C-alpha atoms as a PDB file:
ATOM      1  CA  UNK A   1       2.226 -19.411   8.449  1.00  0.00           C
ATOM      2  CA  UNK A   2      -0.634 -16.939   8.669  1.00  0.00           C
ATOM      3  CA  UNK A   3      -3.685 -17.809   6.628  1.00  0.00           C
ATOM      4  CA  UNK A   4      -3.377 -14.301   5.197  1.00  0.00           C
ATOM      5  CA  UNK A   5       0.069 -14.932   3.664  1.00  0.00           C
ATOM      6  CA  UNK A   6       0.503 -14.202  -0.021  1.00  0.00           C
ATOM      7  CA  UNK A   7       1.649 -16.527  -2.770  1.00  0.00           C
ATOM      8  CA  UNK A   8       1.340 -15.335  -6.345  1.00  0.00           C
ATOM      9  CA  UNK A   9       2.596 -16.493  -9.724  1.00  0.00           C
ATOM     10  CA  UNK A  10       5.994 -15.151 -10.699  1.00  0.00           C
ATOM     11  CA  UNK A  11       6.206 -12.685 -13.572  1.00  0.00           C
ATOM     12  CA  UNK A  12       5.075  -9.167 -14.298  1.00  0.00           C
ATOM     13  CA  UNK A  13       1.587  -8.020 -15.131  1.00  0.00           C
ATOM     14  CA  UNK A  14       1.258  -6.161 -18.443  1.00  0.00           C
ATOM     15  CA  UNK A  15       3.222  -2.918 -18.497  1.00  0.00           C
ATOM     16  CA  UNK A  16       0.103  -1.063 -19.619  1.00  0.00           C
ATOM     17  CA  UNK A  17      -1.258  -1.632 -16.115  1.00  0.00           C
ATOM     18  CA  UNK A  18       1.739  -0.198 -14.324  1.00  0.00           C
ATOM     19  CA  UNK A  19       0.611   3.385 -14.668  1.00  0.00           C
ATOM     20  CA  UNK A  20       2.729   6.359 -15.652  1.00  0.00           C
ATOM     21  CA  UNK A  21       5.449   6.160 -13.016  1.00  0.00           C
ATOM     22  CA  UNK A  22       7.639   9.081 -13.948  1.00  0.00           C
ATOM     23  CA  UNK A  23      11.346   8.298 -13.999  1.00  0.00           C
ATOM     24  CA  UNK A  24      12.630  11.138 -11.864  1.00  0.00           C
ATOM     25  CA  UNK A  25      16.312  11.685 -11.166  1.00  0.00           C
ATOM     26  CA  UNK A  26      17.321  11.354  -7.537  1.00  0.00           C
ATOM     27  CA  UNK A  27      20.437  10.736  -5.507  1.00  0.00           C
ATOM     28  CA  UNK A  28      21.132   7.031  -5.432  1.00  0.00           C
ATOM     29  CA  UNK A  29      21.567   7.043  -1.656  1.00  0.00           C
ATOM     30  CA  UNK A  30      20.168   9.347   1.021  1.00  0.00           C
ATOM     31  CA  UNK A  31      21.794   9.514   4.453  1.00  0.00           C
ATOM     32  CA  UNK A  32      18.976   8.643   6.882  1.00  0.00           C
ATOM     33  CA  UNK A  33      20.992  10.149   9.739  1.00  0.00           C
ATOM     34  CA  UNK A  34      20.854  13.593   8.147  1.00  0.00           C
ATOM     35  CA  UNK A  35      19.085  16.295  10.144  1.00  0.00           C
ATOM     36  CA  UNK A  36      16.236  16.552   7.638  1.00  0.00           C
ATOM     37  CA  UNK A  37      15.195  12.967   8.312  1.00  0.00           C
ATOM     38  CA  UNK A  38      15.145  13.005  12.116  1.00  0.00           C
ATOM     39  CA  UNK A  39      11.605  14.315  12.591  1.00  0.00           C
ATOM     40  CA  UNK A  40       8.967  11.609  12.737  1.00  0.00           C
ATOM     41  CA  UNK A  41       6.340  11.714  10.004  1.00  0.00           C
ATOM     42  CA  UNK A  42       2.839  11.984  11.444  1.00  0.00           C
ATOM     43  CA  UNK A  43       0.339   9.327  10.401  1.00  0.00           C
ATOM     44  CA  UNK A  44      -2.447  10.262   8.001  1.00  0.00           C
ATOM     45  CA  UNK A  45      -6.100   9.501   8.578  1.00  0.00           C
ATOM     46  CA  UNK A  46      -5.909   5.868   7.521  1.00  0.00           C
ATOM     47  CA  UNK A  47      -9.679   5.565   7.172  1.00  0.00           C
ATOM     48  CA  UNK A  48      -9.561   8.378   4.623  1.00  0.00           C
ATOM     49  CA  UNK A  49      -6.496   7.037   2.807  1.00  0.00           C
ATOM     50  CA  UNK A  50      -7.842   3.554   2.122  1.00  0.00           C
ATOM     51  CA  UNK A  51     -11.293   2.648   0.850  1.00  0.00           C
ATOM     52  CA  UNK A  52     -11.405  -0.207   3.381  1.00  0.00           C
ATOM     53  CA  UNK A  53      -8.881   0.063   6.212  1.00  0.00           C
ATOM     54  CA  UNK A  54     -10.013  -3.286   7.627  1.00  0.00           C
ATOM     55  CA  UNK A  55      -8.258  -5.213   4.826  1.00  0.00           C
ATOM     56  CA  UNK A  56      -4.945  -6.912   5.695  1.00  0.00           C
ATOM     57  CA  UNK A  57      -1.981  -4.594   5.237  1.00  0.00           C
ATOM     58  CA  UNK A  58       1.308  -5.328   3.480  1.00  0.00           C
ATOM     59  CA  UNK A  59       4.128  -2.890   4.266  1.00  0.00           C
ATOM     60  CA  UNK A  60       7.080  -2.390   1.910  1.00  0.00           C
ATOM     61  CA  UNK A  61       9.938  -0.529   3.611  1.00  0.00           C
ATOM     62  CA  UNK A  62      12.204   1.249   1.161  1.00  0.00           C
ATOM     63  CA  UNK A  63       9.791   0.882  -1.736  1.00  0.00           C
ATOM     64  CA  UNK A  64      11.922   2.926  -4.157  1.00  0.00           C
ATOM     65  CA  UNK A  65       9.897   3.880  -7.225  1.00  0.00           C
ATOM     66  CA  UNK A  66       6.965   1.928  -5.859  1.00  0.00           C
ATOM     67  CA  UNK A  67       6.476  -0.288  -8.881  1.00  0.00           C
ATOM     68  CA  UNK A  68       6.374  -3.550  -6.925  1.00  0.00           C
ATOM     69  CA  UNK A  69       3.418  -2.620  -4.736  1.00  0.00           C
ATOM     70  CA  UNK A  70       1.743  -0.781  -7.613  1.00  0.00           C
ATOM     71  CA  UNK A  71       1.552  -4.157  -9.348  1.00  0.00           C
ATOM     72  CA  UNK A  72       0.615  -6.013  -6.177  1.00  0.00           C
ATOM     73  CA  UNK A  73      -2.246  -3.620  -5.407  1.00  0.00           C
ATOM     74  CA  UNK A  74      -3.783  -4.559  -8.762  1.00  0.00           C
ATOM     75  CA  UNK A  75      -3.134  -8.285  -8.428  1.00  0.00           C
ATOM     76  CA  UNK A  76      -4.364  -8.443  -4.827  1.00  0.00           C
ATOM     77  CA  UNK A  77      -7.194  -5.930  -4.398  1.00  0.00           C
ATOM     78  CA  UNK A  78      -8.298  -7.735  -1.231  1.00  0.00           C
ATOM     79  CA  UNK A  79      -5.185  -6.363   0.488  1.00  0.00           C
ATOM     80  CA  UNK A  80      -4.026  -2.857   1.343  1.00  0.00           C
ATOM     81  CA  UNK A  81      -0.493  -1.901   0.287  1.00  0.00           C
ATOM     82  CA  UNK A  82       1.763   0.722   1.838  1.00  0.00           C
ATOM     83  CA  UNK A  83       5.200   1.821   0.689  1.00  0.00           C
ATOM     84  CA  UNK A  84       7.651   3.880   2.757  1.00  0.00           C
ATOM     85  CA  UNK A  85      10.478   5.674   0.957  1.00  0.00           C
ATOM     86  CA  UNK A  86      13.061   8.246   2.079  1.00  0.00           C
ATOM     87  CA  UNK A  87      13.626   9.786  -1.371  1.00  0.00           C
ATOM     88  CA  UNK A  88      10.804  12.287  -1.676  1.00  0.00           C
ATOM     89  CA  UNK A  89      10.695  12.711  -5.490  1.00  0.00           C
ATOM     90  CA  UNK A  90      10.146   8.956  -5.878  1.00  0.00           C
ATOM     91  CA  UNK A  91       7.157   9.135  -3.554  1.00  0.00           C
ATOM     92  CA  UNK A  92       5.602  11.977  -5.519  1.00  0.00           C
ATOM     93  CA  UNK A  93       5.910  10.077  -8.813  1.00  0.00           C
ATOM     94  CA  UNK A  94       4.530   6.881  -7.247  1.00  0.00           C
ATOM     95  CA  UNK A  95       1.518   8.720  -5.821  1.00  0.00           C
ATOM     96  CA  UNK A  96       0.841  10.225  -9.237  1.00  0.00           C
ATOM     97  CA  UNK A  97       0.775   6.725 -10.752  1.00  0.00           C
ATOM     98  CA  UNK A  98      -1.475   5.430  -7.976  1.00  0.00           C
ATOM     99  CA  UNK A  99      -3.937   8.251  -8.538  1.00  0.00           C
ATOM    100  CA  UNK A 100      -3.933   7.791 -12.299  1.00  0.00           C
ATOM    101  CA  UNK A 101      -5.031   4.176 -11.778  1.00  0.00           C
ATOM    102  CA  UNK A 102      -7.549   5.145  -9.094  1.00  0.00           C
ATOM    103  CA  UNK A 103      -6.189   2.534  -6.688  1.00  0.00           C
ATOM    104  CA  UNK A 104      -7.765   2.934  -3.256  1.00  0.00           C
ATOM    105  CA  UNK A 105      -5.888   0.033  -1.676  1.00  0.00           C
ATOM    106  CA  UNK A 106      -2.457   1.602  -2.202  1.00  0.00           C
ATOM    107  CA  UNK A 107      -0.574   4.442  -0.537  1.00  0.00           C
ATOM    108  CA  UNK A 108       2.960   5.801  -0.345  1.00  0.00           C
ATOM    109  CA  UNK A 109       4.577   7.900   2.373  1.00  0.00           C
ATOM    110  CA  UNK A 110       7.773   9.929   2.284  1.00  0.00           C
ATOM    111  CA  UNK A 111       9.523   9.231   5.568  1.00  0.00           C
ATOM    112  CA  UNK A 112      12.524   7.784   7.322  1.00  0.00           C
ATOM    113  CA  UNK A 113      11.267   4.416   8.552  1.00  0.00           C
ATOM    114  CA  UNK A 114      13.841   4.354  11.340  1.00  0.00           C
ATOM    115  CA  UNK A 115      12.437   7.506  12.937  1.00  0.00           C
ATOM    116  CA  UNK A 116       8.779   7.295  11.901  1.00  0.00           C
ATOM    117  CA  UNK A 117       7.665   3.677  11.947  1.00  0.00           C
ATOM    118  CA  UNK A 118       6.891   3.338  15.660  1.00  0.00           C
ATOM    119  CA  UNK A 119       4.157   5.987  15.593  1.00  0.00           C
ATOM    120  CA  UNK A 120       2.979   5.604  12.034  1.00  0.00           C
ATOM    121  CA  UNK A 121       0.647   2.594  12.245  1.00  0.00           C
ATOM    122  CA  UNK A 122      -1.693   1.067  14.821  1.00  0.00           C
ATOM    123  CA  UNK A 123      -0.390  -1.839  16.862  1.00  0.00           C
ATOM    124  CA  UNK A 124      -0.873  -5.321  15.415  1.00  0.00           C
ATOM    125  CA  UNK A 125      -1.867  -4.062  11.972  1.00  0.00           C
ATOM    126  CA  UNK A 126       0.737  -5.412   9.534  1.00  0.00           C
ATOM    127  CA  UNK A 127       0.030  -8.844   8.022  1.00  0.00           C
ATOM    128  CA  UNK A 128       3.053  -8.886   5.727  1.00  0.00           C
ATOM    129  CA  UNK A 129       6.362  -7.021   5.673  1.00  0.00           C
ATOM    130  CA  UNK A 130       8.805  -6.765   2.777  1.00  0.00           C
ATOM    131  CA  UNK A 131      12.270  -5.178   2.787  1.00  0.00           C
ATOM    132  CA  UNK A 132      13.844  -5.645  -0.611  1.00  0.00           C
ATOM    133  CA  UNK A 133      17.335  -4.681  -1.707  1.00  0.00           C
ATOM    134  CA  UNK A 134      17.953  -1.922   0.843  1.00  0.00           C
ATOM    135  CA  UNK A 135      20.851   0.490   0.355  1.00  0.00           C
ATOM    136  CA  UNK A 136      23.981  -1.500   1.269  1.00  0.00           C
ATOM    137  CA  UNK A 137      26.181   1.300   2.698  1.00  0.00           C
ATOM    138  CA  UNK A 138      29.359  -0.722   2.221  1.00  0.00           C
ATOM    139  CA  UNK A 139      31.808   1.233   4.383  1.00  0.00           C
ATOM    140  CA  UNK A 140      31.944   0.032   7.978  1.00  0.00           C
ATOM    141  CA  UNK A 141      31.447   3.526   9.378  1.00  0.00           C
ATOM    142  CA  UNK A 142      28.250   3.772   7.307  1.00  0.00           C
ATOM    143  CA  UNK A 143      26.647   0.538   8.502  1.00  0.00           C
ATOM    144  CA  UNK A 144      24.603   2.525  11.033  1.00  0.00           C
ATOM    145  CA  UNK A 145      22.794   4.061   8.035  1.00  0.00           C
ATOM    146  CA  UNK A 146      21.344   0.707   6.969  1.00  0.00           C
ATOM    147  CA  UNK A 147      17.597   0.492   7.360  1.00  0.00           C
ATOM    148  CA  UNK A 148      17.448  -2.792   9.294  1.00  0.00           C
ATOM    149  CA  UNK A 149      18.660  -1.961  12.788  1.00  0.00           C
ATOM    150  CA  UNK A 150      17.746  -3.539  16.148  1.00  0.00           C
ATOM    151  CA  UNK A 151      15.382  -0.659  16.937  1.00  0.00           C
ATOM    152  CA  UNK A 152      13.502  -1.126  13.662  1.00  0.00           C
ATOM    153  CA  UNK A 153      12.974  -4.803  14.479  1.00  0.00           C
ATOM    154  CA  UNK A 154      11.695  -3.833  17.913  1.00  0.00           C
ATOM    155  CA  UNK A 155       9.312  -1.267  16.436  1.00  0.00           C
ATOM    156  CA  UNK A 156       8.006  -3.825  13.947  1.00  0.00           C
ATOM    157  CA  UNK A 157       7.324  -6.362  16.680  1.00  0.00           C
ATOM    158  CA  UNK A 158       4.617  -4.055  18.045  1.00  0.00           C
ATOM    159  CA  UNK A 159       3.022  -3.527  14.634  1.00  0.00           C
ATOM    160  CA  UNK A 160       2.944  -7.061  13.212  1.00  0.00           C
ATOM    161  CA  UNK A 161       0.045  -9.425  13.819  1.00  0.00           C
ATOM    162  CA  UNK A 162       0.769 -12.925  15.122  1.00  0.00           C
ATOM    163  CA  UNK A 163       1.661 -15.133  12.185  1.00  0.00           C
ATOM    164  CA  UNK A 164       2.682 -12.212   9.973  1.00  0.00           C
ATOM    165  CA  UNK A 165       5.009 -13.010   7.109  1.00  0.00           C
ATOM    166  CA  UNK A 166       8.370 -11.219   6.786  1.00  0.00           C
ATOM    167  CA  UNK A 167      10.187 -11.350   3.445  1.00  0.00           C
ATOM    168  CA  UNK A 168      13.710  -9.959   3.082  1.00  0.00           C
ATOM    169  CA  UNK A 169      15.866  -9.847  -0.059  1.00  0.00           C
ATOM    170  CA  UNK A 170      19.278  -8.548  -1.035  1.00  0.00           C
ATOM    171  CA  UNK A 171      21.845  -9.242  -3.716  1.00  0.00           C
ATOM    172  CA  UNK A 172      24.613  -8.334  -1.249  1.00  0.00           C
ATOM    173  CA  UNK A 173      25.532 -11.249   1.029  1.00  0.00           C
ATOM    174  CA  UNK A 174      26.739  -9.198   3.994  1.00  0.00           C
ATOM    175  CA  UNK A 175      23.598  -7.038   3.913  1.00  0.00           C
ATOM    176  CA  UNK A 176      21.355 -10.111   3.852  1.00  0.00           C
ATOM    177  CA  UNK A 177      23.343 -11.703   6.679  1.00  0.00           C
ATOM    178  CA  UNK A 178      23.036  -8.573   8.806  1.00  0.00           C
ATOM    179  CA  UNK A 179      19.280  -8.284   8.234  1.00  0.00           C
ATOM    180  CA  UNK A 180      18.889 -11.929   9.187  1.00  0.00           C
ATOM    181  CA  UNK A 181      21.030 -11.469  12.293  1.00  0.00           C
ATOM    182  CA  UNK A 182      18.977  -8.525  13.531  1.00  0.00           C
ATOM    183  CA  UNK A 183      15.648 -10.291  13.062  1.00  0.00           C
ATOM    184  CA  UNK A 184      16.831 -13.584  14.544  1.00  0.00           C
ATOM    185  CA  UNK A 185      18.101 -11.720  17.606  1.00  0.00           C
ATOM    186  CA  UNK A 186      14.421 -11.456  18.545  1.00  0.00           C
ATOM    187  CA  UNK A 187      13.218 -15.046  19.129  1.00  0.00           C
ATOM    188  CA  UNK A 188       9.689 -14.095  18.124  1.00  0.00           C
ATOM    189  CA  UNK A 189      10.848 -14.031  14.503  1.00  0.00           C
ATOM    190  CA  UNK A 190      11.066 -17.638  13.350  1.00  0.00           C
ATOM    191  CA  UNK A 191      13.243 -18.381  10.333  1.00  0.00           C
ATOM    192  CA  UNK A 192      11.281 -20.897   8.261  1.00  0.00           C
ATOM    193  CA  UNK A 193      14.461 -22.128   6.562  1.00  0.00           C
ATOM    194  CA  UNK A 194      16.180 -22.832   9.876  1.00  0.00           C
ATOM    195  CA  UNK A 195      18.186 -20.525  12.059  1.00  0.00           C
ATOM    196  CA  UNK A 196      20.920 -18.709  10.162  1.00  0.00           C
ATOM    197  CA  UNK A 197      19.756 -20.072   6.817  1.00  0.00           C
ATOM    198  CA  UNK A 198      18.548 -18.365   3.667  1.00  0.00           C
ATOM    199  CA  UNK A 199      15.307 -19.524   2.053  1.00  0.00           C
ATOM    200  CA  UNK A 200      15.489 -21.483  -1.172  1.00  0.00           C
ATOM    201  CA  UNK A 201      12.842 -21.666  -3.884  1.00  0.00           C
ATOM    202  CA  UNK A 202      11.131 -24.589  -2.182  1.00  0.00           C
ATOM    203  CA  UNK A 203       9.814 -22.406   0.629  1.00  0.00           C
ATOM    204  CA  UNK A 204      10.195 -18.784  -0.487  1.00  0.00           C
ATOM    205  CA  UNK A 205       6.875 -17.578  -1.935  1.00  0.00           C
ATOM    206  CA  UNK A 206       6.602 -17.041  -5.664  1.00  0.00           C
ATOM    207  CA  UNK A 207       6.497 -13.333  -6.288  1.00  0.00           C
ATOM    208  CA  UNK A 208       6.770 -10.503  -8.769  1.00  0.00           C
ATOM    209  CA  UNK A 209      10.472  -9.615  -9.049  1.00  0.00           C
ATOM    210  CA  UNK A 210      11.548  -6.061  -8.360  1.00  0.00           C
ATOM    211  CA  UNK A 211      13.611  -4.241 -10.976  1.00  0.00           C
ATOM    212  CA  UNK A 212      16.765  -4.871  -8.952  1.00  0.00           C
ATOM    213  CA  UNK A 213      15.953  -8.552  -8.550  1.00  0.00           C
ATOM    214  CA  UNK A 214      15.275  -9.046 -12.261  1.00  0.00           C
ATOM    215  CA  UNK A 215      18.465  -7.199 -13.227  1.00  0.00           C
ATOM    216  CA  UNK A 216      20.603  -9.211 -10.802  1.00  0.00           C
ATOM    217  CA  UNK A 217      19.278 -12.517 -12.086  1.00  0.00           C
ATOM    218  CA  UNK A 218      19.807 -11.441 -15.689  1.00  0.00           C
ATOM    219  CA  UNK A 219      23.436 -10.693 -14.812  1.00  0.00           C
ATOM    220  CA  UNK A 220      23.843 -14.140 -13.270  1.00  0.00           C
ATOM    221  CA  UNK A 221      24.036 -12.794  -9.724  1.00  0.00           C
ATOM    222  CA  UNK A 222      22.687 -14.292  -6.516  1.00  0.00           C
ATOM    223  CA  UNK A 223      19.639 -13.255  -4.520  1.00  0.00           C
ATOM    224  CA  UNK A 224      19.758 -13.949  -0.783  1.00  0.00           C
ATOM    225  CA  UNK A 225      16.249 -14.387   0.581  1.00  0.00           C
ATOM    226  CA  UNK A 226      14.901 -14.699   4.097  1.00  0.00           C
ATOM    227  CA  UNK A 227      11.412 -15.879   5.053  1.00  0.00           C
ATOM    228  CA  UNK A 228      10.322 -15.351   8.640  1.00  0.00           C
ATOM    229  CA  UNK A 229       7.134 -15.776  10.599  1.00  0.00           C
ATOM    230  CA  UNK A 230       6.340 -13.476  13.494  1.00  0.00           C
ATOM    231  CA  UNK A 231       5.329 -15.791  16.312  1.00  0.00           C
ATOM    232  CA  UNK A 232       4.472 -12.939  18.747  1.00  0.00           C
ATOM    233  CA  UNK A 233       5.846 -14.991  21.653  1.00  0.00           C
ATOM    234  CA  UNK A 234       9.061 -16.728  22.526  1.00  0.00           C
ATOM    235  CA  UNK A 235       9.710 -20.191  23.911  1.00  0.00           C
ATOM    236  CA  UNK A 236      13.003 -19.020  25.379  1.00  0.00           C
END
């Protein structure tokens, strides 16, 4: 595993440090195949966005309200944190919270990751990737709307550094299985639990739970976790 990988104590930091993330009302799901979301978002001036762009970068795809990386940016100031989210009002409220806390190692972008990711970041920049509880899109005809697609995995392979850590989570078994299948289809992504296997607590890093994760566990549900390392080369 990369020497830059993150392991932190489980549990939330005090709510007073979360910042005023406004609870805005949005549609629960947004169709990423809609016409509005087909134009690629242009990258900002990263040197202007972050106080120190040379820090390792953790990317959270589908960051929702942004609370997870808002906490992480405070716990791990030696890292930069970036959240991508397709629901624009959530991004605006997250940016407001980030600014209120004057966090210069945190940024959010409104975009469709499936159309924007390839041109959004420099090659070999991402040290850690998280995709947590993505929209499940249960109907078979809607599976093409799911965020983890073969093209997304291909785009990520150009952006991750060798040894980068990839953490995936879902409370829906078939969604977790599909994410795992797409990443394992590229032999450069090594499943640290063994091919086709989910990660148990012995190897999955301790972490701050997202709202969805905490709620699921409180309800007695299951969390399906995947821990991968990007090897950057294949032995096949």
